[in-house]
Amino acid sequence: ISLRGHTEGSVAFALDVEDGPTHLFTGDSLFPGGVGKTWSDEDFNR
């Protein structure tokens, strides 16, 4: 899953689990309390 903004090529990985919740490995794009750091309004909006 491409999540553009923290860097242009940032990606997350989704692990589907049988009979259980999905696990997302989000790097620095999503944290508890907010998205990752960006350096412009355009990057934040993306």
All heavy atoms as atom14 arrays in JSON, in Angstrom:
{
  "sequence": "ISLRGHTEGSVAFALDVEDGPTHLFTGDSLFPGGVGKTWSDEDFNR",
  "atom14_mask": [
    [1, 1, 1, 1, 1, 1, 1, 1, 0, 0, 0, 0, 0, 0],
    [1, 1, 1, 1, 1, 1, 0, 0, 0, 0, 0, 0, 0, 0],
    [1, 1, 1, 1, 1, 1, 1, 1, 0, 0, 0, 0, 0, 0],
    [1, 1, 1, 1, 1, 1, 1, 1, 1, 1, 1, 0, 0, 0],
    [1, 1, 1, 1, 0, 0, 0, 0, 0, 0, 0, 0, 0, 0],
    [1, 1, 1, 1, 1, 1, 1, 1, 1, 1, 0, 0, 0, 0],
    [1, 1, 1, 1, 1, 1, 1, 0, 0, 0, 0, 0, 0, 0],
    [1, 1, 1, 1, 1, 1, 1, 1, 1, 0, 0, 0, 0, 0],
    [1, 1, 1, 1, 0, 0, 0, 0, 0, 0, 0, 0, 0, 0],
    [1, 1, 1, 1, 1, 1, 0, 0, 0, 0, 0, 0, 0, 0],
    [1, 1, 1, 1, 1, 1, 1, 0, 0, 0, 0, 0, 0, 0],
    [1, 1, 1, 1, 1, 0, 0, 0, 0, 0, 0, 0, 0, 0],
    [1, 1, 1, 1, 1, 1, 1, 1, 1, 1, 1, 0, 0, 0],
    [1, 1, 1, 1, 1, 0, 0, 0, 0, 0, 0, 0, 0, 0],
    [1, 1, 1, 1, 1, 1, 1, 1, 0, 0, 0, 0, 0, 0],
    [1, 1, 1, 1, 1, 1, 1, 1, 0, 0, 0, 0, 0, 0],
    [1, 1, 1, 1, 1, 1, 1, 0, 0, 0, 0, 0, 0, 0],
    [1, 1, 1, 1, 1, 1, 1, 1, 1, 0, 0, 0, 0, 0],
    [1, 1, 1, 1, 1, 1, 1, 1, 0, 0, 0, 0, 0, 0],
    [1, 1, 1, 1, 0, 0, 0, 0, 0, 0, 0, 0, 0, 0],
    [1, 1, 1, 1, 1, 1, 1, 0, 0, 0, 0, 0, 0, 0],
    [1, 1, 1, 1, 1, 1, 1, 0, 0, 0, 0, 0, 0, 0],
    [1, 1, 1, 1, 1, 1, 1, 1, 1, 1, 0, 0, 0, 0],
    [1, 1, 1, 1, 1, 1, 1, 1, 0, 0, 0, 0, 0, 0],
    [1, 1, 1, 1, 1, 1, 1, 1, 1, 1, 1, 0, 0, 0],
    [1, 1, 1, 1, 1, 1, 1, 0, 0, 0, 0, 0, 0, 0],
    [1, 1, 1, 1, 0, 0, 0, 0, 0, 0, 0, 0, 0, 0],
    [1, 1, 1, 1, 1, 1, 1, 1, 0, 0, 0, 0, 0, 0],
    [1, 1, 1, 1, 1, 1, 0, 0, 0, 0, 0, 0, 0, 0],
    [1, 1, 1, 1, 1, 1, 1, 1, 0, 0, 0, 0, 0, 0],
    [1, 1, 1, 1, 1, 1, 1, 1, 1, 1, 1, 0, 0, 0],
    [1, 1, 1, 1, 1, 1, 1, 0, 0, 0, 0, 0, 0, 0],
    [1, 1, 1, 1, 0, 0, 0, 0, 0, 0, 0, 0, 0, 0],
    [1, 1, 1, 1, 0, 0, 0, 0, 0, 0, 0, 0, 0, 0],
    [1, 1, 1, 1, 1, 1, 1, 0, 0, 0, 0, 0, 0, 0],
    [1, 1, 1, 1, 0, 0, 0, 0, 0, 0, 0, 0, 0, 0],
    [1, 1, 1, 1, 1, 1, 1, 1, 1, 0, 0, 0, 0, 0],
    [1, 1, 1, 1, 1, 1, 1, 0, 0, 0, 0, 0, 0, 0],
    [1, 1, 1, 1, 1, 1, 1, 1, 1, 1, 1, 1, 1, 1],
    [1, 1, 1, 1, 1, 1, 0, 0, 0, 0, 0, 0, 0, 0],
    [1, 1, 1, 1, 1, 1, 1, 1, 0, 0, 0, 0, 0, 0],
    [1, 1, 1, 1, 1, 1, 1, 1, 1, 0, 0, 0, 0, 0],
    [1, 1, 1, 1, 1, 1, 1, 1, 0, 0, 0, 0, 0, 0],
    [1, 1, 1, 1, 1, 1, 1, 1, 1, 1, 1, 0, 0, 0],
    [1, 1, 1, 1, 1, 1, 1, 1, 0, 0, 0, 0, 0, 0],
    [1, 1, 1, 1, 1, 1, 1, 1, 1, 1, 1, 0, 0, 0]
  ],
  "atom14_positions": [
    [[0.85, -1.18, 0.0], [0.0, 0.0, 0.0], [0.89, 1.23, 0.0], [1.62, 1.48, 0.96], [-0.93, 0.02, 1.22], [-1.79, -1.25, 1.25], [-1.82, 1.27, 1.2], [-2.61, -1.41, 2.52], [0.0, 0.0, 0.0], [0.0, 0.0, 0.0], [0.0, 0.0, 0.0], [0.0, 0.0, 0.0], [0.0, 0.0, 0.0], [0.0, 0.0, 0.0]],
    [[0.85, 1.99, -1.07], [1.64, 3.22, -1.17], [0.99, 4.31, -0.32], [-0.21, 4.55, -0.41], [1.72, 3.66, -2.64], [2.41, 4.89, -2.74], [0.0, 0.0, 0.0], [0.0, 0.0, 0.0], [0.0, 0.0, 0.0], [0.0, 0.0, 0.0], [0.0, 0.0, 0.0], [0.0, 0.0, 0.0], [0.0, 0.0, 0.0], [0.0, 0.0, 0.0]],
    [[1.81, 4.96, 0.51], [1.36, 6.06, 1.36], [2.31, 7.24, 1.14], [3.28, 7.42, 1.87], [1.33, 5.64, 2.83], [0.41, 4.47, 3.18], [0.6, 4.05, 4.64], [-1.06, 4.81, 2.92], [0.0, 0.0, 0.0], [0.0, 0.0, 0.0], [0.0, 0.0, 0.0], [0.0, 0.0, 0.0], [0.0, 0.0, 0.0], [0.0, 0.0, 0.0]],
    [[2.03, 8.03, 0.14], [2.95, 9.08, -0.29], [2.88, 10.29, 0.63], [1.8, 10.68, 1.06], [2.61, 9.5, -1.72], [2.66, 8.36, -2.73], [1.8, 8.65, -3.93], [0.39, 8.72, -3.55], [-0.59, 8.94, -4.42], [-0.32, 9.1, -5.7], [-1.85, 9.01, -4.01], [0.0, 0.0, 0.0], [0.0, 0.0, 0.0], [0.0, 0.0, 0.0]],
    [[4.04, 10.86, 0.94], [4.06, 12.08, 1.73], [5.22, 12.16, 2.69], [5.96, 13.14, 2.7], [0.0, 0.0, 0.0], [0.0, 0.0, 0.0], [0.0, 0.0, 0.0], [0.0, 0.0, 0.0], [0.0, 0.0, 0.0], [0.0, 0.0, 0.0], [0.0, 0.0, 0.0], [0.0, 0.0, 0.0], [0.0, 0.0, 0.0], [0.0, 0.0, 0.0]],
    [[5.38, 11.13, 3.56], [6.55, 11.12, 4.44], [7.8, 11.02, 3.57], [8.77, 11.75, 3.78], [6.45, 9.95, 5.41], [7.57, 9.89, 6.39], [7.78, 10.85, 7.37], [8.57, 8.98, 6.55], [8.86, 10.54, 8.07], [9.36, 9.42, 7.59], [0.0, 0.0, 0.0], [0.0, 0.0, 0.0], [0.0, 0.0, 0.0], [0.0, 0.0, 0.0]],
    [[7.79, 10.1, 2.63], [8.69, 10.11, 1.48], [7.83, 9.76, 0.27], [6.73, 9.23, 0.4], [9.85, 9.1, 1.59], [9.32, 7.76, 1.53], [10.63, 9.28, 2.87], [0.0, 0.0, 0.0], [0.0, 0.0, 0.0], [0.0, 0.0, 0.0], [0.0, 0.0, 0.0], [0.0, 0.0, 0.0], [0.0, 0.0, 0.0], [0.0, 0.0, 0.0]],
    [[8.36, 10.0, -0.9], [7.6, 9.72, -2.12], [7.32, 8.23, -2.27], [6.27, 7.81, -2.77], [8.37, 10.22, -3.35], [7.64, 10.02, -4.67], [6.36, 10.84, -4.8], [6.24, 11.86, -4.09], [5.5, 10.46, -5.61], [0.0, 0.0, 0.0], [0.0, 0.0, 0.0], [0.0, 0.0, 0.0], [0.0, 0.0, 0.0], [0.0, 0.0, 0.0]],
    [[8.27, 7.39, -1.81], [8.13, 5.96, -2.01], [7.72, 5.18, -0.77], [7.9, 3.95, -0.73], [0.0, 0.0, 0.0], [0.0, 0.0, 0.0], [0.0, 0.0, 0.0], [0.0, 0.0, 0.0], [0.0, 0.0, 0.0], [0.0, 0.0, 0.0], [0.0, 0.0, 0.0], [0.0, 0.0, 0.0], [0.0, 0.0, 0.0], [0.0, 0.0, 0.0]],
    [[7.2, 5.85, 0.25], [6.78, 5.14, 1.46], [5.68, 4.13, 1.15], [4.73, 4.42, 0.41], [6.25, 6.13, 2.51], [7.29, 6.89, 3.08], [0.0, 0.0, 0.0], [0.0, 0.0, 0.0], [0.0, 0.0, 0.0], [0.0, 0.0, 0.0], [0.0, 0.0, 0.0], [0.0, 0.0, 0.0], [0.0, 0.0, 0.0], [0.0, 0.0, 0.0]],
    [[5.82, 2.95, 1.74], [4.81, 1.9, 1.57], [4.48, 1.28, 2.92], [5.31, 1.26, 3.83], [5.29, 0.8, 0.59], [5.37, 1.33, -0.83], [6.62, 0.21, 1.03], [0.0, 0.0, 0.0], [0.0, 0.0, 0.0], [0.0, 0.0, 0.0], [0.0, 0.0, 0.0], [0.0, 0.0, 0.0], [0.0, 0.0, 0.0], [0.0, 0.0, 0.0]],
    [[3.26, 0.78, 3.03], [2.85, -0.05, 4.15], [2.61, -1.45, 3.62], [2.41, -1.66, 2.42], [1.57, 0.5, 4.79], [0.0, 0.0, 0.0], [0.0, 0.0, 0.0], [0.0, 0.0, 0.0], [0.0, 0.0, 0.0], [0.0, 0.0, 0.0], [0.0, 0.0, 0.0], [0.0, 0.0, 0.0], [0.0, 0.0, 0.0], [0.0, 0.0, 0.0]],
    [[2.62, -2.42, 4.53], [2.39, -3.82, 4.16], [1.23, -4.35, 4.99], [1.22, -4.21, 6.22], [3.65, -4.66, 4.4], [4.83, -4.2, 3.61], [5.83, -3.43, 4.21], [4.94, -4.49, 2.27], [6.92, -2.98, 3.48], [6.03, -4.05, 1.52], [7.02, -3.3, 2.13], [0.0, 0.0, 0.0], [0.0, 0.0, 0.0], [0.0, 0.0, 0.0]],
    [[0.26, -4.95, 4.32], [-0.94, -5.47, 4.98], [-0.89, -6.99, 4.98], [-0.78, -7.64, 3.93], [-2.2, -5.0, 4.26], [0.0, 0.0, 0.0], [0.0, 0.0, 0.0], [0.0, 0.0, 0.0], [0.0, 0.0, 0.0], [0.0, 0.0, 0.0], [0.0, 0.0, 0.0], [0.0, 0.0, 0.0], [0.0, 0.0, 0.0], [0.0, 0.0, 0.0]],
    [[-0.97, -7.57, 6.18], [-1.01, -9.01, 6.37], [-2.43, -9.42, 6.72], [-2.95, -9.07, 7.79], [-0.05, -9.42, 7.5], [-0.07, -10.9, 7.92], [0.47, -11.78, 6.8], [0.74, -11.1, 9.19], [0.0, 0.0, 0.0], [0.0, 0.0, 0.0], [0.0, 0.0, 0.0], [0.0, 0.0, 0.0], [0.0, 0.0, 0.0], [0.0, 0.0, 0.0]],
    [[-3.08, -10.12, 5.81], [-4.44, -10.61, 6.06], [-4.36, -11.87, 6.91], [-3.52, -12.74, 6.66], [-5.13, -10.89, 4.72], [-6.62, -11.14, 4.88], [-7.22, -10.57, 5.8], [-7.18, -11.93, 4.08], [0.0, 0.0, 0.0], [0.0, 0.0, 0.0], [0.0, 0.0, 0.0], [0.0, 0.0, 0.0], [0.0, 0.0, 0.0], [0.0, 0.0, 0.0]],
    [[-5.22, -11.97, 7.9], [-5.19, -13.09, 8.84], [-6.53, -13.8, 8.81], [-7.58, -13.17, 8.96], [-4.88, -12.59, 10.27], [-4.91, -13.76, 11.26], [-3.53, -11.89, 10.32], [0.0, 0.0, 0.0], [0.0, 0.0, 0.0], [0.0, 0.0, 0.0], [0.0, 0.0, 0.0], [0.0, 0.0, 0.0], [0.0, 0.0, 0.0], [0.0, 0.0, 0.0]],
    [[-6.49, -15.11, 8.62], [-7.72, -15.9, 8.6], [-8.39, -15.84, 9.98], [-7.75, -16.09, 11.01], [-7.4, -17.35, 8.25], [-8.63, -18.23, 8.12], [-8.28, -19.65, 7.73], [-7.08, -19.94, 7.51], [-9.2, -20.48, 7.64], [0.0, 0.0, 0.0], [0.0, 0.0, 0.0], [0.0, 0.0, 0.0], [0.0, 0.0, 0.0], [0.0, 0.0, 0.0]],
    [[-9.66, -15.47, 9.98], [-10.44, -15.39, 11.22], [-9.83, -14.43, 12.24], [-9.9, -14.67, 13.46], [-10.61, -16.78, 11.85], [-11.37, -17.73, 10.94], [-12.29, -17.28, 10.25], [-11.02, -18.93, 10.93], [0.0, 0.0, 0.0], [0.0, 0.0, 0.0], [0.0, 0.0, 0.0], [0.0, 0.0, 0.0], [0.0, 0.0, 0.0], [0.0, 0.0, 0.0]],
    [[-9.22, -13.37, 11.76], [-8.63, -12.4, 12.67], [-8.44, -11.07, 11.99], [-8.62, -10.94, 10.77], [0.0, 0.0, 0.0], [0.0, 0.0, 0.0], [0.0, 0.0, 0.0], [0.0, 0.0, 0.0], [0.0, 0.0, 0.0], [0.0, 0.0, 0.0], [0.0, 0.0, 0.0], [0.0, 0.0, 0.0], [0.0, 0.0, 0.0], [0.0, 0.0, 0.0]],
    [[-8.05, -10.05, 12.74], [-7.86, -8.72, 12.15], [-6.63, -8.66, 11.25], [-5.66, -9.39, 11.43], [-7.68, -7.82, 13.38], [-7.16, -8.72, 14.44], [-7.81, -10.05, 14.2], [0.0, 0.0, 0.0], [0.0, 0.0, 0.0], [0.0, 0.0, 0.0], [0.0, 0.0, 0.0], [0.0, 0.0, 0.0], [0.0, 0.0, 0.0], [0.0, 0.0, 0.0]],
    [[-6.69, -7.76, 10.29], [-5.55, -7.46, 9.44], [-4.46, -6.77, 10.26], [-4.74, -6.03, 11.21], [-5.98, -6.54, 8.28], [-6.95, -7.23, 7.48], [-4.8, -6.16, 7.39], [0.0, 0.0, 0.0], [0.0, 0.0, 0.0], [0.0, 0.0, 0.0], [0.0, 0.0, 0.0], [0.0, 0.0, 0.0], [0.0, 0.0, 0.0], [0.0, 0.0, 0.0]],
    [[-3.21, -7.03, 9.88], [-2.07, -6.36, 10.5], [-1.43, -5.44, 9.46], [-1.09, -5.88, 8.37], [-1.03, -7.37, 10.99], [-1.48, -8.17, 12.16], [-0.88, -8.08, 13.4], [-2.49, -9.07, 12.3], [-1.49, -8.9, 14.25], [-2.47, -9.51, 13.6], [0.0, 0.0, 0.0], [0.0, 0.0, 0.0], [0.0, 0.0, 0.0], [0.0, 0.0, 0.0]],
    [[-1.28, -4.16, 9.81], [-0.66, -3.18, 8.93], [0.7, -2.76, 9.49], [0.79, -2.35, 10.65], [-1.53, -1.93, 8.79], [-2.9, -2.09, 8.14], [-3.68, -0.78, 8.25], [-2.75, -2.48, 6.67], [0.0, 0.0, 0.0], [0.0, 0.0, 0.0], [0.0, 0.0, 0.0], [0.0, 0.0, 0.0], [0.0, 0.0, 0.0], [0.0, 0.0, 0.0]],
    [[1.72, -2.86, 8.66], [3.06, -2.41, 9.02], [3.28, -1.09, 8.27], [3.5, -1.09, 7.06], [4.1, -3.47, 8.66], [3.84, -4.79, 9.34], [3.02, -5.74, 8.77], [4.38, -5.06, 10.59], [2.75, -6.95, 9.4], [4.12, -6.26, 11.25], [3.3, -7.21, 10.65], [0.0, 0.0, 0.0], [0.0, 0.0, 0.0], [0.0, 0.0, 0.0]],
    [[3.21, 0.03, 9.0], [3.04, 1.32, 8.36], [4.29, 2.19, 8.3], [4.22, 3.33, 7.8], [1.93, 2.11, 9.08], [2.25, 2.24, 10.47], [0.58, 1.41, 8.94], [0.0, 0.0, 0.0], [0.0, 0.0, 0.0], [0.0, 0.0, 0.0], [0.0, 0.0, 0.0], [0.0, 0.0, 0.0], [0.0, 0.0, 0.0], [0.0, 0.0, 0.0]],
    [[5.42, 1.7, 8.76], [6.62, 2.53, 8.72], [6.4, 3.83, 9.47], [5.85, 3.84, 10.57], [0.0, 0.0, 0.0], [0.0, 0.0, 0.0], [0.0, 0.0, 0.0], [0.0, 0.0, 0.0], [0.0, 0.0, 0.0], [0.0, 0.0, 0.0], [0.0, 0.0, 0.0], [0.0, 0.0, 0.0], [0.0, 0.0, 0.0], [0.0, 0.0, 0.0]],
    [[6.79, 4.94, 8.85], [6.62, 6.25, 9.49], [5.44, 7.03, 8.89], [5.39, 8.25, 9.0], [7.9, 7.09, 9.34], [8.99, 6.64, 10.3], [8.77, 5.69, 11.07], [10.09, 7.23, 10.25], [0.0, 0.0, 0.0], [0.0, 0.0, 0.0], [0.0, 0.0, 0.0], [0.0, 0.0, 0.0], [0.0, 0.0, 0.0], [0.0, 0.0, 0.0]],
    [[4.49, 6.32, 8.29], [3.35, 6.99, 7.68], [2.15, 7.12, 8.61], [1.32, 8.02, 8.43], [2.93, 6.28, 6.39], [3.93, 6.41, 5.4], [0.0, 0.0, 0.0], [0.0, 0.0, 0.0], [0.0, 0.0, 0.0], [0.0, 0.0, 0.0], [0.0, 0.0, 0.0], [0.0, 0.0, 0.0], [0.0, 0.0, 0.0], [0.0, 0.0, 0.0]],
    [[2.01, 6.23, 9.57], [0.88, 6.28, 10.5], [1.33, 5.79, 11.86], [1.91, 4.7, 11.98], [-0.28, 5.42, 9.98], [-1.51, 5.36, 10.9], [-2.13, 6.74, 11.08], [-2.54, 4.37, 10.36], [0.0, 0.0, 0.0], [0.0, 0.0, 0.0], [0.0, 0.0, 0.0], [0.0, 0.0, 0.0], [0.0, 0.0, 0.0], [0.0, 0.0, 0.0]],
    [[1.01, 6.6, 12.88], [1.34, 6.3, 14.27], [0.1, 6.47, 15.14], [-0.9, 7.05, 14.7], [2.4, 7.29, 14.79], [3.72, 7.22, 14.11], [4.02, 8.11, 13.08], [4.67, 6.3, 14.49], [5.25, 8.06, 12.45], [5.92, 6.25, 13.87], [6.2, 7.14, 12.85], [0.0, 0.0, 0.0], [0.0, 0.0, 0.0], [0.0, 0.0, 0.0]],
    [[0.14, 6.02, 16.39], [-0.9, 6.44, 17.32], [-0.88, 7.96, 17.43], [0.15, 8.56, 17.71], [-0.48, 5.79, 18.65], [0.4, 4.65, 18.26], [1.11, 5.1, 17.01], [0.0, 0.0, 0.0], [0.0, 0.0, 0.0], [0.0, 0.0, 0.0], [0.0, 0.0, 0.0], [0.0, 0.0, 0.0], [0.0, 0.0, 0.0], [0.0, 0.0, 0.0]],
    [[-2.01, 8.59, 17.14], [-2.09, 10.04, 17.29], [-1.83, 10.86, 16.06], [-1.91, 12.09, 16.11], [0.0, 0.0, 0.0], [0.0, 0.0, 0.0], [0.0, 0.0, 0.0], [0.0, 0.0, 0.0], [0.0, 0.0, 0.0], [0.0, 0.0, 0.0], [0.0, 0.0, 0.0], [0.0, 0.0, 0.0], [0.0, 0.0, 0.0], [0.0, 0.0, 0.0]],
    [[-1.54, 10.23, 14.93], [-1.35, 11.04, 13.73], [-0.55, 10.37, 12.64], [-0.05, 9.25, 12.79], [0.0, 0.0, 0.0], [0.0, 0.0, 0.0], [0.0, 0.0, 0.0], [0.0, 0.0, 0.0], [0.0, 0.0, 0.0], [0.0, 0.0, 0.0], [0.0, 0.0, 0.0], [0.0, 0.0, 0.0], [0.0, 0.0, 0.0], [0.0, 0.0, 0.0]],
    [[-0.44, 11.08, 11.52], [0.37, 10.59, 10.4], [1.82, 10.99, 10.62], [2.15, 11.74, 11.54], [-0.16, 11.15, 9.06], [-1.57, 10.66, 8.8], [-0.1, 12.68, 9.03], [0.0, 0.0, 0.0], [0.0, 0.0, 0.0], [0.0, 0.0, 0.0], [0.0, 0.0, 0.0], [0.0, 0.0, 0.0], [0.0, 0.0, 0.0], [0.0, 0.0, 0.0]],
    [[2.69, 10.49, 9.75], [4.11, 10.77, 9.88], [4.47, 12.2, 9.52], [3.65, 12.97, 8.99], [0.0, 0.0, 0.0], [0.0, 0.0, 0.0], [0.0, 0.0, 0.0], [0.0, 0.0, 0.0], [0.0, 0.0, 0.0], [0.0, 0.0, 0.0], [0.0, 0.0, 0.0], [0.0, 0.0, 0.0], [0.0, 0.0, 0.0], [0.0, 0.0, 0.0]],
    [[5.69, 12.55, 9.81], [6.18, 13.91, 9.55], [6.21, 14.19, 8.06], [6.6, 13.34, 7.25], [7.58, 14.08, 10.15], [8.14, 15.49, 10.0], [9.49, 15.6, 10.68], [10.06, 17.01, 10.54], [11.38, 17.15, 11.2], [0.0, 0.0, 0.0], [0.0, 0.0, 0.0], [0.0, 0.0, 0.0], [0.0, 0.0, 0.0], [0.0, 0.0, 0.0]],
    [[5.81, 15.4, 7.68], [5.93, 15.87, 6.3], [6.59, 17.24, 6.32], [6.69, 17.9, 7.35], [4.56, 15.94, 5.61], [3.67, 16.74, 6.4], [3.96, 14.54, 5.44], [0.0, 0.0, 0.0], [0.0, 0.0, 0.0], [0.0, 0.0, 0.0], [0.0, 0.0, 0.0], [0.0, 0.0, 0.0], [0.0, 0.0, 0.0], [0.0, 0.0, 0.0]],
    [[7.02, 17.69, 5.13], [7.8, 18.92, 5.05], [7.13, 20.01, 4.22], [7.73, 21.04, 3.96], [9.19, 18.58, 4.5], [10.02, 17.85, 5.5], [10.95, 18.39, 6.35], [9.98, 16.44, 5.8], [11.49, 17.41, 7.15], [10.93, 16.21, 6.83], [9.27, 15.37, 5.29], [11.15, 14.95, 7.37], [9.48, 14.11, 5.82], [10.41, 13.89, 6.84]],
    [[5.89, 19.8, 3.81], [5.14, 20.82, 3.09], [3.66, 20.51, 3.22], [3.26, 19.38, 3.53], [5.53, 20.84, 1.6], [5.06, 19.67, 0.94], [0.0, 0.0, 0.0], [0.0, 0.0, 0.0], [0.0, 0.0, 0.0], [0.0, 0.0, 0.0], [0.0, 0.0, 0.0], [0.0, 0.0, 0.0], [0.0, 0.0, 0.0], [0.0, 0.0, 0.0]],
    [[2.82, 21.52, 2.99], [1.38, 21.31, 3.02], [0.96, 20.29, 1.97], [0.07, 19.47, 2.21], [0.64, 22.63, 2.79], [0.78, 23.6, 3.96], [1.16, 23.14, 5.07], [0.53, 24.79, 3.76], [0.0, 0.0, 0.0], [0.0, 0.0, 0.0], [0.0, 0.0, 0.0], [0.0, 0.0, 0.0], [0.0, 0.0, 0.0], [0.0, 0.0, 0.0]],
    [[1.59, 20.35, 0.83], [1.26, 19.41, -0.25], [1.54, 17.97, 0.19], [0.71, 17.07, -0.03], [2.05, 19.74, -1.51], [1.77, 18.8, -2.68], [2.63, 19.09, -3.89], [3.52, 19.96, -3.81], [2.42, 18.42, -4.92], [0.0, 0.0, 0.0], [0.0, 0.0, 0.0], [0.0, 0.0, 0.0], [0.0, 0.0, 0.0], [0.0, 0.0, 0.0]],
    [[2.7, 17.75, 0.8], [3.04, 16.4, 1.25], [2.09, 15.93, 2.34], [1.68, 14.76, 2.36], [4.48, 16.35, 1.75], [5.5, 16.35, 0.62], [5.11, 16.06, -0.53], [6.68, 16.63, 0.89], [0.0, 0.0, 0.0], [0.0, 0.0, 0.0], [0.0, 0.0, 0.0], [0.0, 0.0, 0.0], [0.0, 0.0, 0.0], [0.0, 0.0, 0.0]],
    [[1.76, 16.82, 3.27], [0.81, 16.43, 4.32], [-0.53, 16.03, 3.73], [-1.12, 15.01, 4.11], [0.6, 17.57, 5.32], [-0.54, 17.3, 6.26], [-0.4, 16.4, 7.32], [-1.77, 17.9, 6.07], [-1.46, 16.12, 8.17], [-2.85, 17.64, 6.91], [-2.68, 16.74, 7.96], [0.0, 0.0, 0.0], [0.0, 0.0, 0.0], [0.0, 0.0, 0.0]],
    [[-1.03, 16.83, 2.8], [-2.33, 16.52, 2.2], [-2.3, 15.2, 1.44], [-3.26, 14.42, 1.49], [-2.77, 17.66, 1.28], [-3.18, 18.9, 2.05], [-3.7, 18.8, 3.16], [-2.95, 20.07, 1.47], [0.0, 0.0, 0.0], [0.0, 0.0, 0.0], [0.0, 0.0, 0.0], [0.0, 0.0, 0.0], [0.0, 0.0, 0.0], [0.0, 0.0, 0.0]],
    [[-1.22, 14.92, 0.76], [-1.1, 13.64, 0.05], [-1.09, 12.48, 1.04], [-1.75, 11.47, 0.82], [0.17, 13.61, -0.8], [0.18, 14.58, -1.96], [1.5, 14.55, -2.66], [1.63, 13.37, -3.5], [2.81, 12.9, -3.91], [3.94, 13.46, -3.52], [2.85, 11.85, -4.69], [0.0, 0.0, 0.0], [0.0, 0.0, 0.0], [0.0, 0.0, 0.0]]
  ]
}
